[in-house]
Amino acid sequence: MEIKCNFNPYYNYYSKPRLTNGETFRERVPLRTVKTADIVMKKPVAKKNAAGFSGLISKIKNYAKNYVKNIKHTYDHKIVFALVEKELFGKNSIDSITHDLDKMILYLLGFSKSFVSEFHRKHSVHHPESGKKPNLRSMLCDNIASSPEFKPEKKLSLREHYRQSKQLKKVMGLQGILEKYNYGENLDFNKIKTAKNNKFKGVKGFARGMVKSLACLI
């Protein structure tokens, strides 16, 4: 006699002999009443929660680190921009106050670097991506302040960067002002870096930079 049985896949079974109507067959009997799925899942849940919490802490720390880094990086660039402008033209303009100010505000509000960078380039007259009438003086100072001498992550000199940039080449009048000021190569870069580090470093330097920037006296 053939007997068909449906087995629950979540249970473990063992065979137990049984006599029925004079015939012997082996019956599948549950070895335990606890679902194996429960056994498998209980311990990993705790580990998974721990890993999730650890990951959250790591993300918070990384966010805080980048938050400070982005603000400091922008502030340092503003200071260099102002010092470059002072060296080139003998005095500072309103650009020293407004330059990258939107980035500072957006970073302070907690926006991501990718969002801030895209927003800034689309709305700043010293970036060709904005499509606005370019501020050539500001564009000159910004590009010099963004050269490898002040931003080691940049690999190309301003001269080489301009040579390879299709966007910059489309800016009317930019080549003329770059050549007039020799791509900033006549500037004393060490003097500018020393001034930045001696006068505008730390909390006191930050306060001095803000005050002088607002007074256009850098």
N, C-alpha and C. Protein backbone atom coordinates (compact mmCIF):
# COMPACT_ATOMS: atom_id res chain seq x y z
N MET A 1 0.85 -1.20 0.00
CA MET A 1 0.00 0.00 0.00
C MET A 1 0.89 1.24 0.00
N GLU A 2 0.58 2.16 -0.86
CA GLU A 2 1.39 3.40 -0.99
C GLU A 2 0.69 4.53 -0.25
N ILE A 3 1.42 5.18 0.63
CA ILE A 3 0.88 6.29 1.41
C ILE A 3 1.68 7.54 1.08
N LYS A 4 1.01 8.58 0.66
CA LYS A 4 1.66 9.85 0.33
C LYS A 4 1.52 10.82 1.49
N CYS A 5 2.59 11.45 1.84
CA CYS A 5 2.58 12.40 2.96
C CYS A 5 3.16 13.74 2.49
N ASN A 6 2.55 14.81 2.95
CA ASN A 6 3.08 16.14 2.69
C ASN A 6 3.92 16.56 3.89
N PHE A 7 5.16 16.91 3.64
CA PHE A 7 6.04 17.27 4.74
C PHE A 7 6.24 18.79 4.79
N ASN A 8 6.25 19.29 5.99
CA ASN A 8 6.50 20.73 6.19
C ASN A 8 7.99 20.99 6.05
N PRO A 9 8.41 21.79 5.13
CA PRO A 9 9.86 22.02 4.92
C PRO A 9 10.53 22.73 6.07
N TYR A 10 9.75 23.31 6.97
CA TYR A 10 10.33 24.03 8.09
C TYR A 10 10.62 23.12 9.29
N TYR A 11 10.30 21.82 9.19
CA TYR A 11 10.52 20.86 10.29
C TYR A 11 11.57 19.85 9.89
N ASN A 12 12.28 19.33 10.93
CA ASN A 12 13.18 18.20 10.72
C ASN A 12 12.41 16.92 11.05
N TYR A 13 12.66 15.89 10.30
CA TYR A 13 11.92 14.65 10.51
C TYR A 13 12.89 13.49 10.72
N TYR A 14 12.35 12.43 11.41
CA TYR A 14 13.08 11.17 11.46
C TYR A 14 12.07 10.06 11.24
N SER A 15 12.54 8.87 10.86
CA SER A 15 11.65 7.75 10.53
C SER A 15 11.34 6.93 11.77
N LYS A 16 10.08 6.57 11.92
CA LYS A 16 9.64 5.76 13.06
C LYS A 16 8.77 4.64 12.53
N PRO A 17 9.13 3.36 12.79
CA PRO A 17 8.32 2.24 12.29
C PRO A 17 6.96 2.19 12.97
N ARG A 18 5.91 1.81 12.21
CA ARG A 18 4.58 1.70 12.79
C ARG A 18 3.83 0.58 12.08
N LEU A 19 3.04 -0.18 12.83
CA LEU A 19 2.29 -1.30 12.29
C LEU A 19 0.85 -0.87 12.07
N THR A 20 0.35 -0.97 10.84
CA THR A 20 -1.02 -0.59 10.51
C THR A 20 -1.64 -1.66 9.62
N ASN A 21 -2.76 -2.22 10.10
CA ASN A 21 -3.46 -3.25 9.33
C ASN A 21 -2.55 -4.39 8.90
N GLY A 22 -1.65 -4.74 9.81
CA GLY A 22 -0.77 -5.86 9.51
C GLY A 22 0.40 -5.51 8.64
N GLU A 23 0.50 -4.24 8.21
CA GLU A 23 1.63 -3.84 7.36
C GLU A 23 2.48 -2.80 8.10
N THR A 24 3.74 -2.90 7.87
CA THR A 24 4.68 -1.98 8.54
C THR A 24 5.13 -0.91 7.56
N PHE A 25 5.09 0.33 7.99
CA PHE A 25 5.68 1.40 7.19
C PHE A 25 6.35 2.39 8.12
N ARG A 26 7.26 3.14 7.56
CA ARG A 26 8.01 4.09 8.40
C ARG A 26 7.35 5.45 8.28
N GLU A 27 6.98 5.97 9.42
CA GLU A 27 6.28 7.26 9.50
C GLU A 27 7.27 8.39 9.74
N ARG A 28 7.10 9.47 9.01
CA ARG A 28 7.96 10.65 9.23
C ARG A 28 7.40 11.44 10.40
N VAL A 29 8.16 11.51 11.47
CA VAL A 29 7.71 12.18 12.69
C VAL A 29 8.58 13.39 12.95
N PRO A 30 7.96 14.55 13.31
CA PRO A 30 8.78 15.75 13.60
C PRO A 30 9.77 15.49 14.72
N LEU A 31 11.04 15.81 14.48
CA LEU A 31 12.06 15.65 15.50
C LEU A 31 12.00 16.77 16.51
N ARG A 32 11.64 17.95 16.03
CA ARG A 32 11.52 19.09 16.95
C ARG A 32 10.36 19.95 16.48
N THR A 33 9.80 20.71 17.37
CA THR A 33 8.62 21.50 17.04
C THR A 33 8.95 22.96 16.78
N VAL A 34 10.27 23.27 16.73
CA VAL A 34 10.69 24.64 16.45
C VAL A 34 11.08 24.75 14.99
N LYS A 35 10.54 25.70 14.30
CA LYS A 35 10.84 25.86 12.89
C LYS A 35 12.33 26.17 12.70
N THR A 36 12.93 25.48 11.74
CA THR A 36 14.35 25.73 11.47
C THR A 36 14.58 27.15 10.99
N ALA A 37 13.57 27.74 10.35
CA ALA A 37 13.70 29.13 9.88
C ALA A 37 13.91 30.06 11.07
N ASP A 38 13.21 29.75 12.19
CA ASP A 38 13.37 30.56 13.39
C ASP A 38 14.76 30.40 13.96
N ILE A 39 15.25 29.16 13.92
CA ILE A 39 16.59 28.89 14.46
C ILE A 39 17.65 29.63 13.66
N VAL A 40 17.48 29.65 12.35
CA VAL A 40 18.46 30.30 11.49
C VAL A 40 18.43 31.80 11.65
N MET A 41 17.25 32.38 11.85
CA MET A 41 17.10 33.83 11.80
C MET A 41 17.36 34.54 13.11
N LYS A 42 17.17 33.89 14.25
CA LYS A 42 17.22 34.61 15.53
C LYS A 42 18.56 35.27 15.80
N LYS A 43 19.67 34.54 15.72
CA LYS A 43 20.97 35.09 16.05
C LYS A 43 21.45 36.14 15.04
N PRO A 44 21.29 35.89 13.73
CA PRO A 44 21.73 36.91 12.78
C PRO A 44 21.02 38.23 12.91
N VAL A 45 19.77 38.23 13.43
CA VAL A 45 19.05 39.49 13.57
C VAL A 45 19.81 40.43 14.49
N ALA A 46 20.32 39.90 15.60
CA ALA A 46 21.08 40.73 16.54
C ALA A 46 22.34 41.26 15.89
N LYS A 47 23.02 40.38 15.13
CA LYS A 47 24.25 40.80 14.46
C LYS A 47 23.95 41.85 13.40
N LYS A 48 22.84 41.63 12.71
CA LYS A 48 22.46 42.57 11.65
C LYS A 48 22.14 43.93 12.23
N ASN A 49 21.43 43.94 13.37
CA ASN A 49 21.10 45.21 14.02
C ASN A 49 22.36 45.92 14.50
N ALA A 50 23.29 45.12 15.04
CA ALA A 50 24.55 45.70 15.52
C ALA A 50 25.33 46.31 14.37
N ALA A 51 25.36 45.55 13.25
CA ALA A 51 26.08 46.05 12.09
C ALA A 51 25.43 47.30 11.54
N GLY A 52 24.09 47.33 11.55
CA GLY A 52 23.37 48.50 11.07
C GLY A 52 23.64 49.72 11.92
N PHE A 53 23.69 49.52 13.25
CA PHE A 53 23.97 50.63 14.17
C PHE A 53 25.39 51.14 13.99
N SER A 54 26.31 50.17 13.84
CA SER A 54 27.71 50.54 13.62
C SER A 54 27.87 51.32 12.32
N GLY A 55 27.13 50.87 11.29
CA GLY A 55 27.18 51.56 10.00
C GLY A 55 26.63 52.97 10.09
N LEU A 56 25.58 53.14 10.90
CA LEU A 56 24.99 54.46 11.08
C LEU A 56 25.96 55.41 11.77
N ILE A 57 26.64 54.91 12.82
CA ILE A 57 27.64 55.71 13.53
C ILE A 57 28.77 56.12 12.58
N SER A 58 29.17 55.16 11.73
CA SER A 58 30.24 55.43 10.78
C SER A 58 29.83 56.51 9.79
N LYS A 59 28.57 56.46 9.33
CA LYS A 59 28.07 57.47 8.40
C LYS A 59 28.01 58.85 9.04
N ILE A 60 27.60 58.89 10.31
CA ILE A 60 27.53 60.17 11.03
C ILE A 60 28.92 60.77 11.18
N LYS A 61 29.90 59.94 11.54
CA LYS A 61 31.27 60.42 11.70
C LYS A 61 31.83 60.92 10.37
N ASN A 62 31.55 60.18 9.30
CA ASN A 62 32.02 60.57 7.98
C ASN A 62 31.38 61.88 7.52
N TYR A 63 30.08 62.03 7.84
CA TYR A 63 29.37 63.27 7.49
C TYR A 63 29.99 64.46 8.23
N ALA A 64 30.23 64.27 9.53
CA ALA A 64 30.80 65.35 10.34
C ALA A 64 32.19 65.73 9.83
N LYS A 65 32.98 64.72 9.46
CA LYS A 65 34.33 64.97 8.95
C LYS A 65 34.28 65.76 7.65
N ASN A 66 33.42 65.35 6.73
CA ASN A 66 33.29 66.04 5.45
C ASN A 66 32.68 67.43 5.63
N TYR A 67 31.78 67.58 6.60
CA TYR A 67 31.15 68.87 6.88
C TYR A 67 32.21 69.91 7.21
N VAL A 68 33.09 69.57 8.13
CA VAL A 68 34.16 70.49 8.54
C VAL A 68 35.15 70.70 7.40
N LYS A 69 35.48 69.61 6.70
CA LYS A 69 36.45 69.68 5.61
C LYS A 69 35.98 70.60 4.50
N ASN A 70 34.72 70.48 4.11
CA ASN A 70 34.19 71.29 3.01
C ASN A 70 34.16 72.77 3.36
N ILE A 71 33.77 73.07 4.60
CA ILE A 71 33.72 74.48 5.04
C ILE A 71 35.12 75.07 5.08
N LYS A 72 36.07 74.32 5.65
CA LYS A 72 37.45 74.81 5.75
C LYS A 72 38.07 74.99 4.35
N HIS A 73 37.81 74.03 3.48
CA HIS A 73 38.36 74.10 2.12
C HIS A 73 37.85 75.35 1.39
N THR A 74 36.56 75.63 1.54
CA THR A 74 35.98 76.80 0.89
C THR A 74 36.50 78.10 1.51
N TYR A 75 36.61 78.11 2.83
CA TYR A 75 37.14 79.30 3.52
C TYR A 75 38.58 79.59 3.08
N ASP A 76 39.42 78.55 3.05
CA ASP A 76 40.81 78.71 2.63
C ASP A 76 40.88 79.27 1.20
N HIS A 77 40.01 78.77 0.34
CA HIS A 77 40.00 79.24 -1.05
C HIS A 77 39.58 80.72 -1.12
N LYS A 78 38.60 81.11 -0.31
CA LYS A 78 38.18 82.51 -0.28
C LYS A 78 39.33 83.42 0.14
N ILE A 79 40.10 82.98 1.13
CA ILE A 79 41.24 83.78 1.60
C ILE A 79 42.29 83.91 0.50
N VAL A 80 42.61 82.79 -0.15
CA VAL A 80 43.60 82.82 -1.23
C VAL A 80 43.10 83.70 -2.38
N PHE A 81 41.82 83.58 -2.71
CA PHE A 81 41.24 84.42 -3.76
C PHE A 81 41.46 85.89 -3.44
N ALA A 82 41.17 86.30 -2.20
CA ALA A 82 41.32 87.70 -1.80
C ALA A 82 42.78 88.15 -1.85
N LEU A 83 43.69 87.27 -1.42
CA LEU A 83 45.11 87.61 -1.43
C LEU A 83 45.65 87.71 -2.86
N VAL A 84 45.18 86.83 -3.72
CA VAL A 84 45.58 86.88 -5.14
C VAL A 84 45.07 88.16 -5.77
N GLU A 85 43.82 88.50 -5.51
CA GLU A 85 43.24 89.73 -6.07
C GLU A 85 44.02 90.96 -5.60
N LYS A 86 44.40 90.96 -4.32
CA LYS A 86 45.15 92.10 -3.77
C LYS A 86 46.52 92.22 -4.43
N GLU A 87 47.18 91.08 -4.68
CA GLU A 87 48.50 91.09 -5.30
C GLU A 87 48.42 91.53 -6.76
N LEU A 88 47.37 91.12 -7.45
CA LEU A 88 47.25 91.44 -8.88
C LEU A 88 46.82 92.87 -9.13
N PHE A 89 45.85 93.35 -8.33
CA PHE A 89 45.23 94.65 -8.62
C PHE A 89 45.50 95.72 -7.57
N GLY A 90 46.21 95.37 -6.51
CA GLY A 90 46.58 96.36 -5.50
C GLY A 90 45.52 96.59 -4.44
N LYS A 91 44.31 96.13 -4.65
CA LYS A 91 43.23 96.26 -3.66
C LYS A 91 42.16 95.21 -3.92
N ASN A 92 41.30 95.07 -2.95
CA ASN A 92 40.22 94.08 -3.08
C ASN A 92 38.92 94.73 -3.51
N SER A 93 38.14 93.97 -4.22
CA SER A 93 36.81 94.42 -4.66
C SER A 93 35.74 93.69 -3.85
N ILE A 94 34.49 93.95 -4.19
CA ILE A 94 33.37 93.29 -3.54
C ILE A 94 33.43 91.78 -3.78
N ASP A 95 34.16 91.36 -4.83
CA ASP A 95 34.28 89.94 -5.14
C ASP A 95 34.90 89.15 -3.99
N SER A 96 35.78 89.80 -3.24
CA SER A 96 36.42 89.12 -2.12
C SER A 96 35.41 88.74 -1.04
N ILE A 97 34.31 89.48 -0.97
CA ILE A 97 33.25 89.17 0.00
C ILE A 97 32.31 88.11 -0.56
N THR A 98 31.90 88.32 -1.81
CA THR A 98 30.87 87.46 -2.38
C THR A 98 31.41 86.16 -2.96
N HIS A 99 32.70 86.09 -3.20
CA HIS A 99 33.26 84.90 -3.86
C HIS A 99 32.99 83.64 -3.04
N ASP A 100 32.31 82.67 -3.65
CA ASP A 100 31.99 81.37 -3.05
C ASP A 100 31.20 81.48 -1.74
N LEU A 101 30.56 82.63 -1.54
CA LEU A 101 29.78 82.81 -0.31
C LEU A 101 28.58 81.86 -0.29
N ASP A 102 28.01 81.60 -1.47
CA ASP A 102 26.89 80.66 -1.54
C ASP A 102 27.32 79.26 -1.12
N LYS A 103 28.55 78.88 -1.46
CA LYS A 103 29.05 77.57 -1.07
C LYS A 103 29.20 77.49 0.45
N MET A 104 29.73 78.53 1.05
CA MET A 104 29.89 78.55 2.51
C MET A 104 28.54 78.38 3.20
N ILE A 105 27.55 79.12 2.74
CA ILE A 105 26.22 79.06 3.36
C ILE A 105 25.59 77.68 3.18
N LEU A 106 25.67 77.14 1.97
CA LEU A 106 25.08 75.84 1.71
C LEU A 106 25.78 74.72 2.49
N TYR A 107 27.10 74.81 2.61
CA TYR A 107 27.81 73.81 3.41
C TYR A 107 27.43 73.92 4.88
N LEU A 108 27.32 75.15 5.39
CA LEU A 108 26.92 75.35 6.79
C LEU A 108 25.53 74.79 7.05
N LEU A 109 24.67 74.83 6.02
CA LEU A 109 23.31 74.30 6.15
C LEU A 109 23.27 72.78 5.99
N GLY A 110 24.42 72.19 5.65
CA GLY A 110 24.50 70.73 5.60
C GLY A 110 24.29 70.09 4.25
N PHE A 111 24.27 70.88 3.18
CA PHE A 111 24.07 70.29 1.86
C PHE A 111 25.33 69.52 1.41
N SER A 112 25.11 68.52 0.56
CA SER A 112 26.22 67.68 0.11
C SER A 112 27.13 68.43 -0.86
N LYS A 113 28.36 67.93 -0.98
CA LYS A 113 29.35 68.56 -1.85
C LYS A 113 28.90 68.54 -3.31
N SER A 114 28.32 67.44 -3.75
CA SER A 114 27.89 67.33 -5.14
C SER A 114 26.81 68.35 -5.47
N PHE A 115 25.85 68.52 -4.53
CA PHE A 115 24.78 69.49 -4.76
C PHE A 115 25.33 70.92 -4.76
N VAL A 116 26.17 71.22 -3.77
CA VAL A 116 26.73 72.57 -3.64
C VAL A 116 27.55 72.93 -4.87
N SER A 117 28.37 72.01 -5.32
CA SER A 117 29.23 72.26 -6.48
C SER A 117 28.41 72.53 -7.74
N GLU A 118 27.39 71.72 -7.95
CA GLU A 118 26.55 71.90 -9.14
C GLU A 118 25.77 73.20 -9.08
N PHE A 119 25.19 73.50 -7.92
CA PHE A 119 24.43 74.74 -7.74
C PHE A 119 25.33 75.95 -7.96
N HIS A 120 26.51 75.91 -7.36
CA HIS A 120 27.45 77.03 -7.43
C HIS A 120 27.87 77.32 -8.87
N ARG A 121 28.20 76.29 -9.61
CA ARG A 121 28.66 76.48 -10.99
C ARG A 121 27.56 77.00 -11.91
N LYS A 122 26.34 76.68 -11.59
CA LYS A 122 25.22 77.12 -12.42
C LYS A 122 24.79 78.56 -12.13
N HIS A 123 25.27 79.13 -11.01
CA HIS A 123 24.80 80.45 -10.61
C HIS A 123 25.93 81.47 -10.40
N SER A 124 27.16 81.10 -10.69
CA SER A 124 28.29 82.01 -10.42
C SER A 124 28.88 82.56 -11.71
N VAL A 125 29.10 83.86 -11.74
CA VAL A 125 29.60 84.51 -12.96
C VAL A 125 31.06 84.22 -13.23
N HIS A 126 31.76 83.59 -12.29
CA HIS A 126 33.15 83.22 -12.57
C HIS A 126 33.27 81.77 -13.04
N HIS A 127 32.12 81.16 -13.36
CA HIS A 127 32.12 79.82 -13.94
C HIS A 127 31.38 79.86 -15.27
N PRO A 128 31.99 79.37 -16.34
CA PRO A 128 31.34 79.41 -17.66
C PRO A 128 30.05 78.60 -17.72
N GLU A 129 29.89 77.61 -16.81
CA GLU A 129 28.68 76.79 -16.82
C GLU A 129 27.42 77.57 -16.50
N SER A 130 27.59 78.74 -15.88
CA SER A 130 26.42 79.54 -15.49
C SER A 130 25.69 80.12 -16.69
N GLY A 131 26.42 80.35 -17.78
CA GLY A 131 25.80 80.95 -18.96
C GLY A 131 25.58 82.44 -18.80
N LYS A 132 26.02 83.01 -17.67
CA LYS A 132 25.86 84.44 -17.43
C LYS A 132 27.05 85.22 -18.00
N LYS A 133 26.90 86.53 -18.07
CA LYS A 133 28.01 87.37 -18.52
C LYS A 133 29.17 87.19 -17.55
N PRO A 134 30.31 86.74 -18.03
CA PRO A 134 31.42 86.41 -17.13
C PRO A 134 32.06 87.63 -16.48
N ASN A 135 32.46 87.45 -15.23
CA ASN A 135 33.26 88.44 -14.52
C ASN A 135 34.71 88.00 -14.72
N LEU A 136 35.41 88.61 -15.69
CA LEU A 136 36.74 88.15 -16.06
C LEU A 136 37.76 88.32 -14.94
N ARG A 137 37.63 89.40 -14.19
CA ARG A 137 38.55 89.62 -13.07
C ARG A 137 38.39 88.53 -12.03
N SER A 138 37.15 88.24 -11.69
CA SER A 138 36.87 87.19 -10.72
C SER A 138 37.28 85.82 -11.24
N MET A 139 37.04 85.59 -12.52
CA MET A 139 37.40 84.32 -13.15
C MET A 139 38.91 84.12 -13.14
N LEU A 140 39.65 85.18 -13.38
CA LEU A 140 41.11 85.13 -13.36
C LEU A 140 41.61 84.75 -11.96
N CYS A 141 41.13 85.49 -10.95
CA CYS A 141 41.58 85.25 -9.57
C CYS A 141 41.17 83.86 -9.08
N ASP A 142 39.97 83.44 -9.46
CA ASP A 142 39.48 82.13 -9.03
C ASP A 142 40.33 81.01 -9.61
N ASN A 143 40.68 81.14 -10.88
CA ASN A 143 41.49 80.10 -11.51
C ASN A 143 42.91 80.06 -10.97
N ILE A 144 43.47 81.23 -10.66
CA ILE A 144 44.80 81.25 -10.06
C ILE A 144 44.75 80.64 -8.66
N ALA A 145 43.71 81.00 -7.89
CA ALA A 145 43.56 80.47 -6.53
C ALA A 145 43.22 78.99 -6.51
N SER A 146 42.82 78.45 -7.67
CA SER A 146 42.50 77.02 -7.77
C SER A 146 43.62 76.22 -8.43
N SER A 147 44.75 76.85 -8.64
CA SER A 147 45.87 76.18 -9.29
C SER A 147 46.57 75.24 -8.30
N PRO A 148 47.42 74.33 -8.79
CA PRO A 148 48.09 73.35 -7.92
C PRO A 148 48.89 73.96 -6.78
N GLU A 149 49.34 75.20 -6.93
CA GLU A 149 50.11 75.84 -5.86
C GLU A 149 49.29 75.99 -4.58
N PHE A 150 47.99 76.12 -4.74
CA PHE A 150 47.11 76.30 -3.58
C PHE A 150 46.16 75.12 -3.35
N LYS A 151 45.93 74.34 -4.41
CA LYS A 151 45.10 73.15 -4.29
C LYS A 151 45.88 71.96 -4.85
N PRO A 152 46.59 71.25 -4.00
CA PRO A 152 47.44 70.13 -4.47
C PRO A 152 46.68 69.06 -5.24
N GLU A 153 45.36 68.96 -5.00
CA GLU A 153 44.59 67.95 -5.73
C GLU A 153 44.47 68.27 -7.22
N LYS A 154 44.70 69.53 -7.56
CA LYS A 154 44.69 69.93 -8.97
C LYS A 154 46.03 69.55 -9.60
N LYS A 155 45.99 68.92 -10.74
CA LYS A 155 47.21 68.41 -11.35
C LYS A 155 47.75 69.29 -12.48
N LEU A 156 46.90 70.16 -13.04
CA LEU A 156 47.32 70.98 -14.17
C LEU A 156 47.52 72.44 -13.76
N SER A 157 48.55 73.06 -14.28
CA SER A 157 48.74 74.48 -14.07
C SER A 157 47.61 75.23 -14.77
N LEU A 158 47.42 76.49 -14.42
CA LEU A 158 46.36 77.27 -15.06
C LEU A 158 46.59 77.37 -16.56
N ARG A 159 47.82 77.55 -16.96
CA ARG A 159 48.14 77.65 -18.39
C ARG A 159 47.72 76.37 -19.12
N GLU A 160 48.07 75.22 -18.54
CA GLU A 160 47.75 73.94 -19.16
C GLU A 160 46.25 73.64 -19.07
N HIS A 161 45.66 74.03 -17.95
CA HIS A 161 44.22 73.83 -17.78
C HIS A 161 43.43 74.61 -18.83
N TYR A 162 43.84 75.83 -19.06
CA TYR A 162 43.16 76.65 -20.09
C TYR A 162 43.36 76.04 -21.47
N ARG A 163 44.56 75.54 -21.73
CA ARG A 163 44.85 74.96 -23.04
C ARG A 163 43.96 73.75 -23.34
N GLN A 164 43.60 73.01 -22.29
CA GLN A 164 42.81 71.79 -22.47
C GLN A 164 41.30 72.00 -22.28
N SER A 165 40.91 73.14 -21.74
CA SER A 165 39.49 73.37 -21.43
C SER A 165 38.74 74.02 -22.59
N LYS A 166 37.79 73.29 -23.15
CA LYS A 166 36.97 73.83 -24.23
C LYS A 166 36.03 74.91 -23.69
N GLN A 167 35.56 74.74 -22.46
CA GLN A 167 34.64 75.71 -21.86
C GLN A 167 35.31 77.06 -21.66
N LEU A 168 36.51 77.05 -21.08
CA LEU A 168 37.22 78.31 -20.82
C LEU A 168 37.58 79.02 -22.12
N LYS A 169 37.92 78.27 -23.13
CA LYS A 169 38.28 78.87 -24.41
C LYS A 169 37.11 79.59 -25.07
N LYS A 170 35.90 79.24 -24.70
CA LYS A 170 34.72 79.86 -25.27
C LYS A 170 34.39 81.20 -24.60
N VAL A 171 35.02 81.48 -23.46
CA VAL A 171 34.74 82.72 -22.72
C VAL A 171 35.45 83.88 -23.41
N MET A 172 34.68 84.79 -23.95
CA MET A 172 35.24 85.94 -24.67
C MET A 172 36.05 86.83 -23.73
N GLY A 173 37.29 87.11 -24.12
CA GLY A 173 38.14 88.02 -23.36
C GLY A 173 38.98 87.35 -22.30
N LEU A 174 38.71 86.08 -21.96
CA LEU A 174 39.45 85.41 -20.89
C LEU A 174 40.91 85.17 -21.27
N GLN A 175 41.15 84.75 -22.50
CA GLN A 175 42.52 84.50 -22.92
C GLN A 175 43.36 85.77 -22.82
N GLY A 176 42.76 86.89 -23.18
CA GLY A 176 43.48 88.17 -23.13
C GLY A 176 43.91 88.52 -21.72
N ILE A 177 43.01 88.37 -20.74
CA ILE A 177 43.36 88.74 -19.37
C ILE A 177 44.30 87.72 -18.74
N LEU A 178 44.20 86.47 -19.15
CA LEU A 178 45.14 85.46 -18.66
C LEU A 178 46.55 85.76 -19.14
N GLU A 179 46.66 86.14 -20.40
CA GLU A 179 47.98 86.46 -20.96
C GLU A 179 48.52 87.75 -20.38
N LYS A 180 47.64 88.71 -20.14
CA LYS A 180 48.06 90.00 -19.58
C LYS A 180 48.72 89.80 -18.22
N TYR A 181 48.16 88.91 -17.42
CA TYR A 181 48.71 88.66 -16.08
C TYR A 181 49.51 87.35 -16.04
N ASN A 182 49.94 86.90 -17.23
CA ASN A 182 50.83 85.75 -17.37
C ASN A 182 50.34 84.54 -16.57
N TYR A 183 49.04 84.31 -16.61
CA TYR A 183 48.42 83.16 -15.94
C TYR A 183 48.75 83.12 -14.44
N GLY A 184 49.07 84.27 -13.89
CA GLY A 184 49.38 84.36 -12.46
C GLY A 184 50.75 83.83 -12.09
N GLU A 185 51.55 83.47 -13.09
CA GLU A 185 52.84 82.83 -12.82
C GLU A 185 53.88 83.79 -12.26
N ASN A 186 53.63 85.09 -12.33
CA ASN A 186 54.58 86.06 -11.78
C ASN A 186 54.33 86.33 -10.29
N LEU A 187 53.26 85.79 -9.78
CA LEU A 187 52.94 86.00 -8.37
C LEU A 187 53.90 85.24 -7.46
N ASP A 188 54.11 85.77 -6.26
CA ASP A 188 54.92 85.08 -5.25
C ASP A 188 53.98 84.16 -4.47
N PHE A 189 53.88 82.92 -4.91
CA PHE A 189 52.94 81.98 -4.29
C PHE A 189 53.28 81.71 -2.83
N ASN A 190 54.57 81.63 -2.52
CA ASN A 190 54.98 81.38 -1.14
C ASN A 190 54.56 82.52 -0.22
N LYS A 191 54.64 83.74 -0.73
CA LYS A 191 54.21 84.90 0.05
C LYS A 191 52.72 84.82 0.37
N ILE A 192 51.92 84.43 -0.61
CA ILE A 192 50.48 84.32 -0.41
C ILE A 192 50.15 83.20 0.56
N LYS A 193 50.82 82.05 0.43
CA LYS A 193 50.57 80.94 1.34
C LYS A 193 51.01 81.27 2.76
N THR A 194 52.13 82.00 2.89
CA THR A 194 52.60 82.39 4.21
C THR A 194 51.62 83.35 4.87
N ALA A 195 51.11 84.31 4.10
CA ALA A 195 50.14 85.26 4.63
C ALA A 195 48.87 84.54 5.08
N LYS A 196 48.44 83.58 4.30
CA LYS A 196 47.23 82.82 4.66
C LYS A 196 47.44 82.04 5.95
N ASN A 197 48.57 81.38 6.06
CA ASN A 197 48.83 80.53 7.23
C ASN A 197 49.11 81.34 8.49
N ASN A 198 49.76 82.50 8.34
CA ASN A 198 50.12 83.30 9.51
C ASN A 198 48.97 84.17 10.02
N LYS A 199 48.17 84.69 9.11
CA LYS A 199 47.13 85.65 9.49
C LYS A 199 45.73 85.06 9.58
N PHE A 200 45.49 83.99 8.85
CA PHE A 200 44.10 83.53 8.74
C PHE A 200 43.91 82.07 9.11
N LYS A 201 44.77 81.56 9.99
CA LYS A 201 44.67 80.17 10.42
C LYS A 201 44.01 80.08 11.79
N GLY A 202 43.23 79.03 12.01
CA GLY A 202 42.58 78.82 13.29
C GLY A 202 41.36 79.70 13.49
N VAL A 203 40.84 79.68 14.72
CA VAL A 203 39.62 80.43 15.04
C VAL A 203 39.85 81.94 14.92
N LYS A 204 40.98 82.41 15.47
CA LYS A 204 41.28 83.84 15.40
C LYS A 204 41.48 84.28 13.95
N GLY A 205 42.17 83.44 13.19
CA GLY A 205 42.39 83.76 11.79
C GLY A 205 41.09 83.79 11.01
N PHE A 206 40.18 82.87 11.34
CA PHE A 206 38.89 82.83 10.68
C PHE A 206 38.11 84.12 10.96
N ALA A 207 38.12 84.54 12.24
CA ALA A 207 37.42 85.77 12.62
C ALA A 207 38.04 86.98 11.92
N ARG A 208 39.38 87.02 11.89
CA ARG A 208 40.07 88.12 11.22
C ARG A 208 39.73 88.14 9.73
N GLY A 209 39.69 86.97 9.13
CA GLY A 209 39.38 86.87 7.71
C GLY A 209 37.98 87.38 7.40
N MET A 210 37.03 87.02 8.25
CA MET A 210 35.65 87.45 8.03
C MET A 210 35.51 88.97 8.19
N VAL A 211 36.15 89.49 9.23
CA VAL A 211 36.07 90.94 9.49
C VAL A 211 36.71 91.74 8.36
N LYS A 212 37.92 91.31 7.98
CA LYS A 212 38.64 92.03 6.93
C LYS A 212 37.97 91.86 5.58
N SER A 213 37.38 90.68 5.36
CA SER A 213 36.69 90.47 4.11
C SER A 213 35.50 91.40 4.00
N LEU A 214 34.76 91.52 5.09
CA LEU A 214 33.61 92.39 5.08
C LEU A 214 34.00 93.87 4.92
N ALA A 215 35.17 94.20 5.39
CA ALA A 215 35.65 95.58 5.29
C ALA A 215 36.45 95.84 4.01
N CYS A 216 36.62 94.75 3.20
CA CYS A 216 37.40 94.86 1.96
C CYS A 216 38.82 95.36 2.23
N LEU A 217 39.40 94.92 3.35
CA LEU A 217 40.73 95.41 3.71
C LEU A 217 41.79 94.33 3.68
N ILE A 218 41.46 93.16 3.15
CA ILE A 218 42.43 92.08 3.13
C ILE A 218 43.62 92.48 2.26
